[in-house]
Amino acid sequence: MGRTLTIRLDEDLELALDQVMARTGRTRSEVVRDALRRQLAVQEFRELRAQLLPYGEARDLLTDEDVFSIVS
């Protein structure tokens, strides 16, 4: 069993969360955990990308398309 985290939601966010729950049949906790996992993955990606960016620039890899052309 995990820990409990209490957060405050404004009315619009709570309404949006309730609508997702109703459409998907998932619990509030399931939706919030999934959203948090996704946000943490996005943040990790951004941090890794920022760390690697200087190496790509040194090789004239300035866009995603430049990278894809090499790895494809």
PDB file of N, CA and C in Angstrom:
ATOM      1  N   MET A   1       0.844  -1.182   0.000  1.00  0.00           N
ATOM      2  CA  MET A   1       0.000   0.000   0.000  1.00  0.00           C
ATOM      3  C   MET A   1       0.879   1.230   0.000  1.00  0.00           C
ATOM      4  N   GLY A   2       0.525   2.205  -0.790  1.00  0.00           N
ATOM      5  CA  GLY A   2       1.305   3.427  -0.886  1.00  0.00           C
ATOM      6  C   GLY A   2       0.922   4.441   0.159  1.00  0.00           C
ATOM      7  N   ARG A   3       1.568   5.561   0.063  1.00  0.00           N
ATOM      8  CA  ARG A   3       1.283   6.666   0.975  1.00  0.00           C
ATOM      9  C   ARG A   3       0.129   7.504   0.452  1.00  0.00           C
ATOM     10  N   THR A   4      -0.427   8.290   1.317  1.00  0.00           N
ATOM     11  CA  THR A   4      -1.522   9.181   0.952  1.00  0.00           C
ATOM     12  C   THR A   4      -0.974  10.576   0.754  1.00  0.00           C
ATOM     13  N   LEU A   5      -1.429  11.228  -0.309  1.00  0.00           N
ATOM     14  CA  LEU A   5      -1.057  12.598  -0.617  1.00  0.00           C
ATOM     15  C   LEU A   5      -2.339  13.404  -0.751  1.00  0.00           C
ATOM     16  N   THR A   6      -2.415  14.510  -0.059  1.00  0.00           N
ATOM     17  CA  THR A   6      -3.589  15.373  -0.139  1.00  0.00           C
ATOM     18  C   THR A   6      -3.236  16.577  -1.000  1.00  0.00           C
ATOM     19  N   ILE A   7      -4.088  16.866  -1.985  1.00  0.00           N
ATOM     20  CA  ILE A   7      -3.879  18.045  -2.837  1.00  0.00           C
ATOM     21  C   ILE A   7      -5.172  18.848  -2.909  1.00  0.00           C
ATOM     22  N   ARG A   8      -5.028  20.111  -3.215  1.00  0.00           N
ATOM     23  CA  ARG A   8      -6.205  20.972  -3.395  1.00  0.00           C
ATOM     24  C   ARG A   8      -6.397  21.213  -4.892  1.00  0.00           C
ATOM     25  N   LEU A   9      -7.631  21.121  -5.330  1.00  0.00           N
ATOM     26  CA  LEU A   9      -7.980  21.356  -6.727  1.00  0.00           C
ATOM     27  C   LEU A   9      -8.930  22.532  -6.810  1.00  0.00           C
ATOM     28  N   ASP A  10      -8.719  23.374  -7.821  1.00  0.00           N
ATOM     29  CA  ASP A  10      -9.723  24.407  -8.029  1.00  0.00           C
ATOM     30  C   ASP A  10     -10.954  23.747  -8.664  1.00  0.00           C
ATOM     31  N   GLU A  11     -12.043  24.474  -8.711  1.00  0.00           N
ATOM     32  CA  GLU A  11     -13.312  23.887  -9.168  1.00  0.00           C
ATOM     33  C   GLU A  11     -13.230  23.360 -10.591  1.00  0.00           C
ATOM     34  N   ASP A  12     -12.564  24.100 -11.484  1.00  0.00           N
ATOM     35  CA  ASP A  12     -12.474  23.663 -12.881  1.00  0.00           C
ATOM     36  C   ASP A  12     -11.699  22.359 -13.010  1.00  0.00           C
ATOM     37  N   LEU A  13     -10.597  22.246 -12.276  1.00  0.00           N
ATOM     38  CA  LEU A  13      -9.790  21.036 -12.344  1.00  0.00           C
ATOM     39  C   LEU A  13     -10.537  19.853 -11.734  1.00  0.00           C
ATOM     40  N   GLU A  14     -11.250  20.092 -10.652  1.00  0.00           N
ATOM     41  CA  GLU A  14     -12.036  19.022 -10.043  1.00  0.00           C
ATOM     42  C   GLU A  14     -13.149  18.546 -10.982  1.00  0.00           C
ATOM     43  N   LEU A  15     -13.793  19.482 -11.663  1.00  0.00           N
ATOM     44  CA  LEU A  15     -14.831  19.114 -12.626  1.00  0.00           C
ATOM     45  C   LEU A  15     -14.240  18.300 -13.767  1.00  0.00           C
ATOM     46  N   ALA A  16     -13.099  18.730 -14.277  1.00  0.00           N
ATOM     47  CA  ALA A  16     -12.446  17.991 -15.365  1.00  0.00           C
ATOM     48  C   ALA A  16     -12.065  16.586 -14.898  1.00  0.00           C
ATOM     49  N   LEU A  17     -11.559  16.467 -13.692  1.00  0.00           N
ATOM     50  CA  LEU A  17     -11.198  15.164 -13.147  1.00  0.00           C
ATOM     51  C   LEU A  17     -12.434  14.278 -13.013  1.00  0.00           C
ATOM     52  N   ASP A  18     -13.520  14.824 -12.499  1.00  0.00           N
ATOM     53  CA  ASP A  18     -14.757  14.057 -12.356  1.00  0.00           C
ATOM     54  C   ASP A  18     -15.278  13.591 -13.713  1.00  0.00           C
ATOM     55  N   GLN A  19     -15.147  14.418 -14.735  1.00  0.00           N
ATOM     56  CA  GLN A  19     -15.597  14.037 -16.074  1.00  0.00           C
ATOM     57  C   GLN A  19     -14.763  12.888 -16.628  1.00  0.00           C
ATOM     58  N   VAL A  20     -13.445  12.942 -16.411  1.00  0.00           N
ATOM     59  CA  VAL A  20     -12.588  11.846 -16.856  1.00  0.00           C
ATOM     60  C   VAL A  20     -12.953  10.563 -16.127  1.00  0.00           C
ATOM     61  N   MET A  21     -13.203  10.666 -14.828  1.00  0.00           N
ATOM     62  CA  MET A  21     -13.593   9.493 -14.046  1.00  0.00           C
ATOM     63  C   MET A  21     -14.874   8.879 -14.610  1.00  0.00           C
ATOM     64  N   ALA A  22     -15.837   9.717 -14.913  1.00  0.00           N
ATOM     65  CA  ALA A  22     -17.124   9.232 -15.420  1.00  0.00           C
ATOM     66  C   ALA A  22     -16.966   8.567 -16.786  1.00  0.00           C
ATOM     67  N   ARG A  23     -16.148   9.170 -17.646  1.00  0.00           N
ATOM     68  CA  ARG A  23     -15.964   8.613 -18.995  1.00  0.00           C
ATOM     69  C   ARG A  23     -15.174   7.316 -18.994  1.00  0.00           C
ATOM     70  N   THR A  24     -14.208   7.201 -18.102  1.00  0.00           N
ATOM     71  CA  THR A  24     -13.299   6.056 -18.153  1.00  0.00           C
ATOM     72  C   THR A  24     -13.616   4.970 -17.144  1.00  0.00           C
ATOM     73  N   GLY A  25     -14.422   5.291 -16.135  1.00  0.00           N
ATOM     74  CA  GLY A  25     -14.719   4.313 -15.106  1.00  0.00           C
ATOM     75  C   GLY A  25     -13.553   4.085 -14.155  1.00  0.00           C
ATOM     76  N   ARG A  26     -12.580   4.969 -14.185  1.00  0.00           N
ATOM     77  CA  ARG A  26     -11.423   4.857 -13.299  1.00  0.00           C
ATOM     78  C   ARG A  26     -11.660   5.697 -12.050  1.00  0.00           C
ATOM     79  N   THR A  27     -10.945   5.361 -11.002  1.00  0.00           N
ATOM     80  CA  THR A  27     -11.076   6.124  -9.766  1.00  0.00           C
ATOM     81  C   THR A  27     -10.282   7.417  -9.864  1.00  0.00           C
ATOM     82  N   ARG A  28     -10.599   8.326  -8.965  1.00  0.00           N
ATOM     83  CA  ARG A  28      -9.866   9.594  -8.881  1.00  0.00           C
ATOM     84  C   ARG A  28      -8.368   9.326  -8.691  1.00  0.00           C
ATOM     85  N   SER A  29      -8.050   8.400  -7.807  1.00  0.00           N
ATOM     86  CA  SER A  29      -6.639   8.084  -7.541  1.00  0.00           C
ATOM     87  C   SER A  29      -5.941   7.526  -8.775  1.00  0.00           C
ATOM     88  N   GLU A  30      -6.624   6.662  -9.516  1.00  0.00           N
ATOM     89  CA  GLU A  30      -6.020   6.095 -10.727  1.00  0.00           C
ATOM     90  C   GLU A  30      -5.703   7.176 -11.751  1.00  0.00           C
ATOM     91  N   VAL A  31      -6.642   8.078 -11.950  1.00  0.00           N
ATOM     92  CA  VAL A  31      -6.444   9.156 -12.926  1.00  0.00           C
ATOM     93  C   VAL A  31      -5.298  10.060 -12.496  1.00  0.00           C
ATOM     94  N   VAL A  32      -5.270  10.426 -11.239  1.00  0.00           N
ATOM     95  CA  VAL A  32      -4.231  11.336 -10.743  1.00  0.00           C
ATOM     96  C   VAL A  32      -2.867  10.658 -10.774  1.00  0.00           C
ATOM     97  N   ARG A  33      -2.788   9.388 -10.381  1.00  0.00           N
ATOM     98  CA  ARG A  33      -1.501   8.671 -10.430  1.00  0.00           C
ATOM     99  C   ARG A  33      -0.982   8.597 -11.858  1.00  0.00           C
ATOM    100  N   ASP A  34      -1.871   8.297 -12.816  1.00  0.00           N
ATOM    101  CA  ASP A  34      -1.473   8.224 -14.215  1.00  0.00           C
ATOM    102  C   ASP A  34      -0.973   9.583 -14.706  1.00  0.00           C
ATOM    103  N   ALA A  35      -1.687  10.641 -14.365  1.00  0.00           N
ATOM    104  CA  ALA A  35      -1.275  11.986 -14.778  1.00  0.00           C
ATOM    105  C   ALA A  35       0.076  12.355 -14.177  1.00  0.00           C
ATOM    106  N   LEU A  36       0.297  11.990 -12.927  1.00  0.00           N
ATOM    107  CA  LEU A  36       1.571  12.287 -12.269  1.00  0.00           C
ATOM    108  C   LEU A  36       2.704  11.496 -12.910  1.00  0.00           C
ATOM    109  N   ARG A  37       2.465  10.223 -13.197  1.00  0.00           N
ATOM    110  CA  ARG A  37       3.497   9.414 -13.882  1.00  0.00           C
ATOM    111  C   ARG A  37       3.873  10.036 -15.224  1.00  0.00           C
ATOM    112  N   ARG A  38       2.872  10.444 -15.976  1.00  0.00           N
ATOM    113  CA  ARG A  38       3.136  11.061 -17.279  1.00  0.00           C
ATOM    114  C   ARG A  38       3.920  12.360 -17.127  1.00  0.00           C
ATOM    115  N   GLN A  39       3.549  13.190 -16.184  1.00  0.00           N
ATOM    116  CA  GLN A  39       4.238  14.452 -15.973  1.00  0.00           C
ATOM    117  C   GLN A  39       5.686  14.231 -15.562  1.00  0.00           C
ATOM    118  N   LEU A  40       5.919  13.259 -14.692  1.00  0.00           N
ATOM    119  CA  LEU A  40       7.283  12.957 -14.264  1.00  0.00           C
ATOM    120  C   LEU A  40       8.119  12.423 -15.424  1.00  0.00           C
ATOM    121  N   ALA A  41       7.527  11.626 -16.301  1.00  0.00           N
ATOM    122  CA  ALA A  41       8.242  11.129 -17.478  1.00  0.00           C
ATOM    123  C   ALA A  41       8.587  12.270 -18.423  1.00  0.00           C
ATOM    124  N   VAL A  42       7.660  13.189 -18.637  1.00  0.00           N
ATOM    125  CA  VAL A  42       7.921  14.357 -19.484  1.00  0.00           C
ATOM    126  C   VAL A  42       9.048  15.198 -18.901  1.00  0.00           C
ATOM    127  N   GLN A  43       9.015  15.411 -17.595  1.00  0.00           N
ATOM    128  CA  GLN A  43      10.054  16.198 -16.949  1.00  0.00           C
ATOM    129  C   GLN A  43      11.417  15.527 -17.080  1.00  0.00           C
ATOM    130  N   GLU A  44      11.466  14.219 -16.890  1.00  0.00           N
ATOM    131  CA  GLU A  44      12.734  13.500 -17.029  1.00  0.00           C
ATOM    132  C   GLU A  44      13.256  13.602 -18.461  1.00  0.00           C
ATOM    133  N   PHE A  45      12.363  13.467 -19.454  1.00  0.00           N
ATOM    134  CA  PHE A  45      12.747  13.602 -20.854  1.00  0.00           C
ATOM    135  C   PHE A  45      13.337  14.982 -21.115  1.00  0.00           C
ATOM    136  N   ARG A  46      12.685  16.021 -20.628  1.00  0.00           N
ATOM    137  CA  ARG A  46      13.173  17.390 -20.850  1.00  0.00           C
ATOM    138  C   ARG A  46      14.552  17.595 -20.229  1.00  0.00           C
ATOM    139  N   GLU A  47      14.747  17.046 -19.032  1.00  0.00           N
ATOM    140  CA  GLU A  47      16.043  17.196 -18.374  1.00  0.00           C
ATOM    141  C   GLU A  47      17.140  16.458 -19.126  1.00  0.00           C
ATOM    142  N   LEU A  48      16.858  15.242 -19.574  1.00  0.00           N
ATOM    143  CA  LEU A  48      17.834  14.480 -20.345  1.00  0.00           C
ATOM    144  C   LEU A  48      18.143  15.162 -21.673  1.00  0.00           C
ATOM    145  N   ARG A  49      17.103  15.677 -22.299  1.00  0.00           N
ATOM    146  CA  ARG A  49      17.305  16.379 -23.574  1.00  0.00           C
ATOM    147  C   ARG A  49      18.197  17.597 -23.377  1.00  0.00           C
ATOM    148  N   ALA A  50      17.975  18.342 -22.316  1.00  0.00           N
ATOM    149  CA  ALA A  50      18.804  19.523 -22.043  1.00  0.00           C
ATOM    150  C   ALA A  50      20.259  19.130 -21.796  1.00  0.00           C
ATOM    151  N   GLN A  51      20.478  18.003 -21.131  1.00  0.00           N
ATOM    152  CA  GLN A  51      21.845  17.538 -20.889  1.00  0.00           C
ATOM    153  C   GLN A  51      22.535  17.117 -22.176  1.00  0.00           C
ATOM    154  N   LEU A  52      21.787  16.511 -23.102  1.00  0.00           N
ATOM    155  CA  LEU A  52      22.367  15.992 -24.333  1.00  0.00           C
ATOM    156  C   LEU A  52      22.445  17.016 -25.459  1.00  0.00           C
ATOM    157  N   LEU A  53      21.711  18.091 -25.332  1.00  0.00           N
ATOM    158  CA  LEU A  53      21.661  19.087 -26.389  1.00  0.00           C
ATOM    159  C   LEU A  53      23.035  19.601 -26.813  1.00  0.00           C
ATOM    160  N   PRO A  54      23.948  19.917 -25.911  1.00  0.00           N
ATOM    161  CA  PRO A  54      25.264  20.388 -26.347  1.00  0.00           C
ATOM    162  C   PRO A  54      26.009  19.375 -27.226  1.00  0.00           C
ATOM    163  N   TYR A  55      25.843  18.081 -26.952  1.00  0.00           N
ATOM    164  CA  TYR A  55      26.505  17.064 -27.770  1.00  0.00           C
ATOM    165  C   TYR A  55      25.926  17.031 -29.179  1.00  0.00           C
ATOM    166  N   GLY A  56      24.615  17.164 -29.274  1.00  0.00           N
ATOM    167  CA  GLY A  56      23.973  17.200 -30.590  1.00  0.00           C
ATOM    168  C   GLY A  56      24.367  18.433 -31.376  1.00  0.00           C
ATOM    169  N   GLU A  57      24.393  19.568 -30.710  1.00  0.00           N
ATOM    170  CA  GLU A  57      24.772  20.807 -31.392  1.00  0.00           C
ATOM    171  C   GLU A  57      26.204  20.737 -31.902  1.00  0.00           C
ATOM    172  N   ALA A  58      27.079  20.084 -31.151  1.00  0.00           N
ATOM    173  CA  ALA A  58      28.474  19.946 -31.576  1.00  0.00           C
ATOM    174  C   ALA A  58      28.588  19.125 -32.856  1.00  0.00           C
ATOM    175  N   ARG A  59      27.583  18.306 -33.127  1.00  0.00           N
ATOM    176  CA  ARG A  59      27.571  17.479 -34.343  1.00  0.00           C
ATOM    177  C   ARG A  59      26.578  18.011 -35.376  1.00  0.00           C
ATOM    178  N   ASP A  60      26.168  19.250 -35.224  1.00  0.00           N
ATOM    179  CA  ASP A  60      25.206  19.902 -36.135  1.00  0.00           C
ATOM    180  C   ASP A  60      23.864  19.180 -36.188  1.00  0.00           C
ATOM    181  N   LEU A  61      23.467  18.595 -35.081  1.00  0.00           N
ATOM    182  CA  LEU A  61      22.143  17.990 -34.970  1.00  0.00           C
ATOM    183  C   LEU A  61      21.268  18.991 -34.220  1.00  0.00           C
ATOM    184  N   LEU A  62      20.563  19.814 -34.986  1.00  0.00           N
ATOM    185  CA  LEU A  62      19.835  20.931 -34.393  1.00  0.00           C
ATOM    186  C   LEU A  62      18.341  20.689 -34.256  1.00  0.00           C
ATOM    187  N   THR A  63      17.819  19.721 -34.974  1.00  0.00           N
ATOM    188  CA  THR A  63      16.381  19.447 -34.922  1.00  0.00           C
ATOM    189  C   THR A  63      16.149  17.958 -34.720  1.00  0.00           C
ATOM    190  N   ASP A  64      14.925  17.598 -34.367  1.00  0.00           N
ATOM    191  CA  ASP A  64      14.570  16.180 -34.245  1.00  0.00           C
ATOM    192  C   ASP A  64      14.763  15.477 -35.591  1.00  0.00           C
ATOM    193  N   GLU A  65      14.457  16.178 -36.669  1.00  0.00           N
ATOM    194  CA  GLU A  65      14.592  15.580 -38.002  1.00  0.00           C
ATOM    195  C   GLU A  65      16.043  15.245 -38.297  1.00  0.00           C
ATOM    196  N   ASP A  66      16.990  16.086 -37.844  1.00  0.00           N
ATOM    197  CA  ASP A  66      18.400  15.796 -38.021  1.00  0.00           C
ATOM    198  C   ASP A  66      18.763  14.482 -37.331  1.00  0.00           C
ATOM    199  N   VAL A  67      18.276  14.289 -36.135  1.00  0.00           N
ATOM    200  CA  VAL A  67      18.557  13.076 -35.373  1.00  0.00           C
ATOM    201  C   VAL A  67      17.899  11.880 -36.052  1.00  0.00           C
ATOM    202  N   PHE A  68      16.646  12.004 -36.445  1.00  0.00           N
ATOM    203  CA  PHE A  68      15.918  10.903 -37.054  1.00  0.00           C
ATOM    204  C   PHE A  68      16.569  10.468 -38.364  1.00  0.00           C
ATOM    205  N   SER A  69      17.148  11.418 -39.106  1.00  0.00           N
ATOM    206  CA  SER A  69      17.787  11.063 -40.371  1.00  0.00           C
ATOM    207  C   SER A  69      19.016  10.190 -40.146  1.00  0.00           C
ATOM    208  N   ILE A  70      19.642  10.323 -38.991  1.00  0.00           N
ATOM    209  CA  ILE A  70      20.826   9.509 -38.686  1.00  0.00           C
ATOM    210  C   ILE A  70      20.437   8.135 -38.168  1.00  0.00           C
ATOM    211  N   VAL A  71      19.416   8.081 -37.313  1.00  0.00           N
ATOM    212  CA  VAL A  71      19.053   6.812 -36.693  1.00  0.00           C
ATOM    213  C   VAL A  71      18.094   5.973 -37.520  1.00  0.00           C
ATOM    214  N   SER A  72      17.526   6.547 -38.549  1.00  0.00           N
ATOM    215  CA  SER A  72      16.567   5.791 -39.379  1.00  0.00           C
ATOM    216  C   SER A  72      17.267   5.044 -40.493  1.00  0.00           C
TER     217      SER A  72
END
